[in-house]
Amino acid sequence: MCNMAAFKEHATFGFWKASLIEDADQLLTLKDKQTMGNLGKLQTMADLPPDDALIRYIKAAMKLNEDGVKIPKKQKAPGVKTIETPEYFAAALADVMCQKPKKISRPSPIHKWLEEAKTETARNKRMAQAVEWIENGKGQNWKYEKC
């Protein structure tokens, strides 16, 4: 419902669903308050809003929670990034898979892991490891998956 943080020189206070709360007193929309909670940097008691206003905002936040209102999720970019399977990896997978993969609509962690290798030796070692995991039906983080 609310968040609060206290530091040596100041404190902050804000609302998780501030964008959904009616801001009649214009307490939540000031530009300098975006990085310091919704009420900005609170250095003295005078920086707090009037009690009746703060109570109104807290009650509005409580009502949103009681009603089960959720903050709308941000929409992702419309296009799905498609990548080509690197030839060296496709060749290594040819023995494991019945068909050669052409395109993958979403890069897997293994693709990223292979591309991040800084040397050819490291890439080849990772590729051999990835092929072994795929043959055994394991994902990249199989050690950490709960059974």
C-alpha atoms as a PDB file:
ATOM      1  CA  MET A   1       0.000   0.000   0.000  1.00  0.00           C
ATOM      2  CA  CYS A   2       2.668   2.546   1.073  1.00  0.00           C
ATOM      3  CA  ASN A   3       6.438   2.690   1.147  1.00  0.00           C
ATOM      4  CA  MET A   4       8.682   4.595   3.464  1.00  0.00           C
ATOM      5  CA  ALA A   5      12.431   4.989   3.819  1.00  0.00           C
ATOM      6  CA  ALA A   6      14.473   6.870   6.394  1.00  0.00           C
ATOM      7  CA  PHE A   7      17.981   8.181   5.849  1.00  0.00           C
ATOM      8  CA  LYS A   8      20.419  10.254   7.876  1.00  0.00           C
ATOM      9  CA  GLU A   9      19.281  13.625   6.502  1.00  0.00           C
ATOM     10  CA  HIS A  10      15.796  12.915   5.160  1.00  0.00           C
ATOM     11  CA  ALA A  11      12.950  10.430   4.738  1.00  0.00           C
ATOM     12  CA  THR A  12      10.645   9.490   1.863  1.00  0.00           C
ATOM     13  CA  PHE A  13       7.048   8.331   1.701  1.00  0.00           C
ATOM     14  CA  GLY A  14       5.036   7.087  -1.240  1.00  0.00           C
ATOM     15  CA  PHE A  15       2.215   4.889  -2.452  1.00  0.00           C
ATOM     16  CA  TRP A  16       2.623   1.791  -4.597  1.00  0.00           C
ATOM     17  CA  LYS A  17      -0.506   2.641  -6.598  1.00  0.00           C
ATOM     18  CA  ALA A  18       0.017   6.423  -6.655  1.00  0.00           C
ATOM     19  CA  SER A  19      -0.845   6.587 -10.352  1.00  0.00           C
ATOM     20  CA  LEU A  20      -4.347   5.286  -9.543  1.00  0.00           C
ATOM     21  CA  ILE A  21      -5.061   7.572  -6.586  1.00  0.00           C
ATOM     22  CA  GLU A  22      -7.096  10.702  -7.272  1.00  0.00           C
ATOM     23  CA  ASP A  23      -4.647  13.544  -6.625  1.00  0.00           C
ATOM     24  CA  ALA A  24      -6.994  16.395  -5.618  1.00  0.00           C
ATOM     25  CA  ASP A  25      -4.339  18.201  -3.539  1.00  0.00           C
ATOM     26  CA  GLN A  26      -1.619  17.793  -6.188  1.00  0.00           C
ATOM     27  CA  LEU A  27       0.684  16.088  -3.686  1.00  0.00           C
ATOM     28  CA  LEU A  28       1.683  13.177  -5.891  1.00  0.00           C
ATOM     29  CA  THR A  29       2.340  14.885  -9.214  1.00  0.00           C
ATOM     30  CA  LEU A  30       5.133  17.333  -8.498  1.00  0.00           C
ATOM     31  CA  LYS A  31       8.157  16.820 -10.749  1.00  0.00           C
ATOM     32  CA  ASP A  32      10.844  16.797  -8.042  1.00  0.00           C
ATOM     33  CA  LYS A  33       9.085  13.968  -6.201  1.00  0.00           C
ATOM     34  CA  GLN A  34       9.613  11.247  -8.779  1.00  0.00           C
ATOM     35  CA  THR A  35      12.864   9.970  -7.302  1.00  0.00           C
ATOM     36  CA  MET A  36      12.067  10.600  -3.649  1.00  0.00           C
ATOM     37  CA  GLY A  37       8.775   8.794  -3.164  1.00  0.00           C
ATOM     38  CA  ASN A  38       5.492  10.492  -3.929  1.00  0.00           C
ATOM     39  CA  LEU A  39       5.788  13.118  -1.230  1.00  0.00           C
ATOM     40  CA  GLY A  40       9.353  14.106  -2.093  1.00  0.00           C
ATOM     41  CA  LYS A  41      12.314  14.556   0.204  1.00  0.00           C
ATOM     42  CA  LEU A  42      11.035  14.970   3.753  1.00  0.00           C
ATOM     43  CA  GLN A  43      13.612  16.817   5.843  1.00  0.00           C
ATOM     44  CA  THR A  44      11.390  18.409   8.480  1.00  0.00           C
ATOM     45  CA  MET A  45       7.901  17.868   9.829  1.00  0.00           C
ATOM     46  CA  ALA A  46       6.824  20.912   7.801  1.00  0.00           C
ATOM     47  CA  ASP A  47       7.533  18.928   4.611  1.00  0.00           C
ATOM     48  CA  LEU A  48       4.686  16.546   5.412  1.00  0.00           C
ATOM     49  CA  PRO A  49       1.266  17.279   3.906  1.00  0.00           C
ATOM     50  CA  PRO A  50      -1.618  18.241   6.203  1.00  0.00           C
ATOM     51  CA  ASP A  51      -2.950  15.338   8.273  1.00  0.00           C
ATOM     52  CA  ASP A  52      -6.384  15.333   6.634  1.00  0.00           C
ATOM     53  CA  ALA A  53      -4.847  15.162   3.146  1.00  0.00           C
ATOM     54  CA  LEU A  54      -2.472  12.350   4.108  1.00  0.00           C
ATOM     55  CA  ILE A  55      -5.322  10.404   5.710  1.00  0.00           C
ATOM     56  CA  ARG A  56      -7.392  10.833   2.522  1.00  0.00           C
ATOM     57  CA  TYR A  57      -4.554   9.453   0.393  1.00  0.00           C
ATOM     58  CA  ILE A  58      -3.958   6.510   2.738  1.00  0.00           C
ATOM     59  CA  LYS A  59      -7.673   5.661   2.748  1.00  0.00           C
ATOM     60  CA  ALA A  60      -7.728   5.844  -1.054  1.00  0.00           C
ATOM     61  CA  ALA A  61      -4.762   3.465  -1.212  1.00  0.00           C
ATOM     62  CA  MET A  62      -6.515   1.111   1.246  1.00  0.00           C
ATOM     63  CA  LYS A  63      -9.668   1.153  -0.889  1.00  0.00           C
ATOM     64  CA  LEU A  64      -7.672   0.249  -4.002  1.00  0.00           C
ATOM     65  CA  ASN A  65      -6.168  -2.733  -2.168  1.00  0.00           C
ATOM     66  CA  GLU A  66      -9.521  -3.844  -0.750  1.00  0.00           C
ATOM     67  CA  ASP A  67     -11.097  -3.651  -4.218  1.00  0.00           C
ATOM     68  CA  GLY A  68      -8.248  -5.714  -5.665  1.00  0.00           C
ATOM     69  CA  VAL A  69      -7.273  -3.033  -8.179  1.00  0.00           C
ATOM     70  CA  LYS A  70      -4.013  -3.818  -9.967  1.00  0.00           C
ATOM     71  CA  ILE A  71      -1.635  -1.435 -11.690  1.00  0.00           C
ATOM     72  CA  PRO A  72      -1.873  -2.085 -15.448  1.00  0.00           C
ATOM     73  CA  LYS A  73       1.211  -3.842 -16.780  1.00  0.00           C
ATOM     74  CA  LYS A  74       3.353  -1.953 -19.232  1.00  0.00           C
ATOM     75  CA  GLN A  75       2.963  -3.149 -22.787  1.00  0.00           C
ATOM     76  CA  LYS A  76       6.050  -4.639 -24.376  1.00  0.00           C
ATOM     77  CA  ALA A  77       7.276  -3.550 -27.762  1.00  0.00           C
ATOM     78  CA  PRO A  78       4.959  -4.909 -30.462  1.00  0.00           C
ATOM     79  CA  GLY A  79       7.554  -6.860 -32.444  1.00  0.00           C
ATOM     80  CA  VAL A  80       9.145 -10.119 -31.340  1.00  0.00           C
ATOM     81  CA  LYS A  81      12.870 -10.159 -31.913  1.00  0.00           C
ATOM     82  CA  THR A  82      13.869 -13.010 -34.181  1.00  0.00           C
ATOM     83  CA  ILE A  83      17.452 -14.170 -34.299  1.00  0.00           C
ATOM     84  CA  GLU A  84      19.299 -16.532 -36.580  1.00  0.00           C
ATOM     85  CA  THR A  85      20.778 -19.601 -34.944  1.00  0.00           C
ATOM     86  CA  PRO A  86      24.553 -19.247 -35.332  1.00  0.00           C
ATOM     87  CA  GLU A  87      25.892 -21.658 -37.955  1.00  0.00           C
ATOM     88  CA  TYR A  88      28.471 -23.148 -35.611  1.00  0.00           C
ATOM     89  CA  PHE A  89      25.757 -23.967 -33.067  1.00  0.00           C
ATOM     90  CA  ALA A  90      23.355 -25.299 -35.712  1.00  0.00           C
ATOM     91  CA  ALA A  91      26.111 -27.597 -36.987  1.00  0.00           C
ATOM     92  CA  ALA A  92      26.827 -28.840 -33.465  1.00  0.00           C
ATOM     93  CA  LEU A  93      23.126 -29.508 -32.925  1.00  0.00           C
ATOM     94  CA  ALA A  94      22.694 -31.367 -36.241  1.00  0.00           C
ATOM     95  CA  ASP A  95      23.720 -34.666 -34.606  1.00  0.00           C
ATOM     96  CA  VAL A  96      21.412 -34.142 -31.635  1.00  0.00           C
ATOM     97  CA  MET A  97      18.298 -32.895 -33.419  1.00  0.00           C
ATOM     98  CA  CYS A  98      16.497 -34.400 -36.380  1.00  0.00           C
ATOM     99  CA  GLN A  99      16.311 -31.064 -38.168  1.00  0.00           C
ATOM    100  CA  LYS A 100      18.493 -28.009 -38.378  1.00  0.00           C
ATOM    101  CA  PRO A 101      16.945 -25.026 -36.523  1.00  0.00           C
ATOM    102  CA  LYS A 102      16.364 -22.023 -38.799  1.00  0.00           C
ATOM    103  CA  LYS A 103      15.105 -19.202 -36.597  1.00  0.00           C
ATOM    104  CA  ILE A 104      14.194 -18.878 -32.972  1.00  0.00           C
ATOM    105  CA  SER A 105      11.551 -16.308 -32.079  1.00  0.00           C
ATOM    106  CA  ARG A 106      12.969 -15.687 -28.617  1.00  0.00           C
ATOM    107  CA  PRO A 107      16.678 -16.027 -27.869  1.00  0.00           C
ATOM    108  CA  SER A 108      17.321 -18.690 -25.279  1.00  0.00           C
ATOM    109  CA  PRO A 109      19.751 -18.190 -22.416  1.00  0.00           C
ATOM    110  CA  ILE A 110      22.062 -20.692 -24.105  1.00  0.00           C
ATOM    111  CA  HIS A 111      22.298 -18.500 -27.227  1.00  0.00           C
ATOM    112  CA  LYS A 112      23.236 -15.527 -25.091  1.00  0.00           C
ATOM    113  CA  TRP A 113      25.692 -17.631 -23.108  1.00  0.00           C
ATOM    114  CA  LEU A 114      27.393 -18.770 -26.314  1.00  0.00           C
ATOM    115  CA  GLU A 115      27.559 -15.284 -27.798  1.00  0.00           C
ATOM    116  CA  GLU A 116      29.061 -13.825 -24.613  1.00  0.00           C
ATOM    117  CA  ALA A 117      32.124 -16.075 -24.807  1.00  0.00           C
ATOM    118  CA  LYS A 118      35.181 -13.880 -25.357  1.00  0.00           C
ATOM    119  CA  THR A 119      37.416 -16.452 -27.066  1.00  0.00           C
ATOM    120  CA  GLU A 120      36.883 -19.174 -29.634  1.00  0.00           C
ATOM    121  CA  THR A 121      38.100 -21.757 -27.112  1.00  0.00           C
ATOM    122  CA  ALA A 122      35.562 -20.650 -24.527  1.00  0.00           C
ATOM    123  CA  ARG A 123      32.778 -20.640 -27.110  1.00  0.00           C
ATOM    124  CA  ASN A 124      33.650 -24.171 -28.272  1.00  0.00           C
ATOM    125  CA  LYS A 125      33.763 -25.422 -24.680  1.00  0.00           C
ATOM    126  CA  ARG A 126      30.368 -23.835 -23.957  1.00  0.00           C
ATOM    127  CA  MET A 127      28.939 -25.224 -27.195  1.00  0.00           C
ATOM    128  CA  ALA A 128      30.065 -28.765 -26.307  1.00  0.00           C
ATOM    129  CA  GLN A 129      28.498 -28.345 -22.862  1.00  0.00           C
ATOM    130  CA  ALA A 130      25.238 -27.015 -24.360  1.00  0.00           C
ATOM    131  CA  VAL A 131      25.006 -29.924 -26.817  1.00  0.00           C
ATOM    132  CA  GLU A 132      25.554 -32.381 -23.948  1.00  0.00           C
ATOM    133  CA  TRP A 133      22.805 -30.733 -21.901  1.00  0.00           C
ATOM    134  CA  ILE A 134      20.403 -30.753 -24.866  1.00  0.00           C
ATOM    135  CA  GLU A 135      21.107 -34.450 -25.501  1.00  0.00           C
ATOM    136  CA  ASN A 136      20.185 -35.163 -21.888  1.00  0.00           C
ATOM    137  CA  GLY A 137      17.074 -32.942 -22.012  1.00  0.00           C
ATOM    138  CA  LYS A 138      18.496 -30.381 -19.595  1.00  0.00           C
ATOM    139  CA  GLY A 139      18.220 -26.602 -19.709  1.00  0.00           C
ATOM    140  CA  GLN A 140      21.081 -24.217 -19.063  1.00  0.00           C
ATOM    141  CA  ASN A 141      20.239 -23.824 -15.371  1.00  0.00           C
ATOM    142  CA  TRP A 142      19.211 -27.440 -14.780  1.00  0.00           C
ATOM    143  CA  LYS A 143      21.327 -27.649 -11.599  1.00  0.00           C
ATOM    144  CA  TYR A 144      19.139 -25.022  -9.929  1.00  0.00           C
ATOM    145  CA  GLU A 145      15.704 -26.189 -11.071  1.00  0.00           C
ATOM    146  CA  LYS A 146      13.567 -27.770  -8.382  1.00  0.00           C
ATOM    147  CA  CYS A 147      12.282 -31.213  -9.213  1.00  0.00           C
END
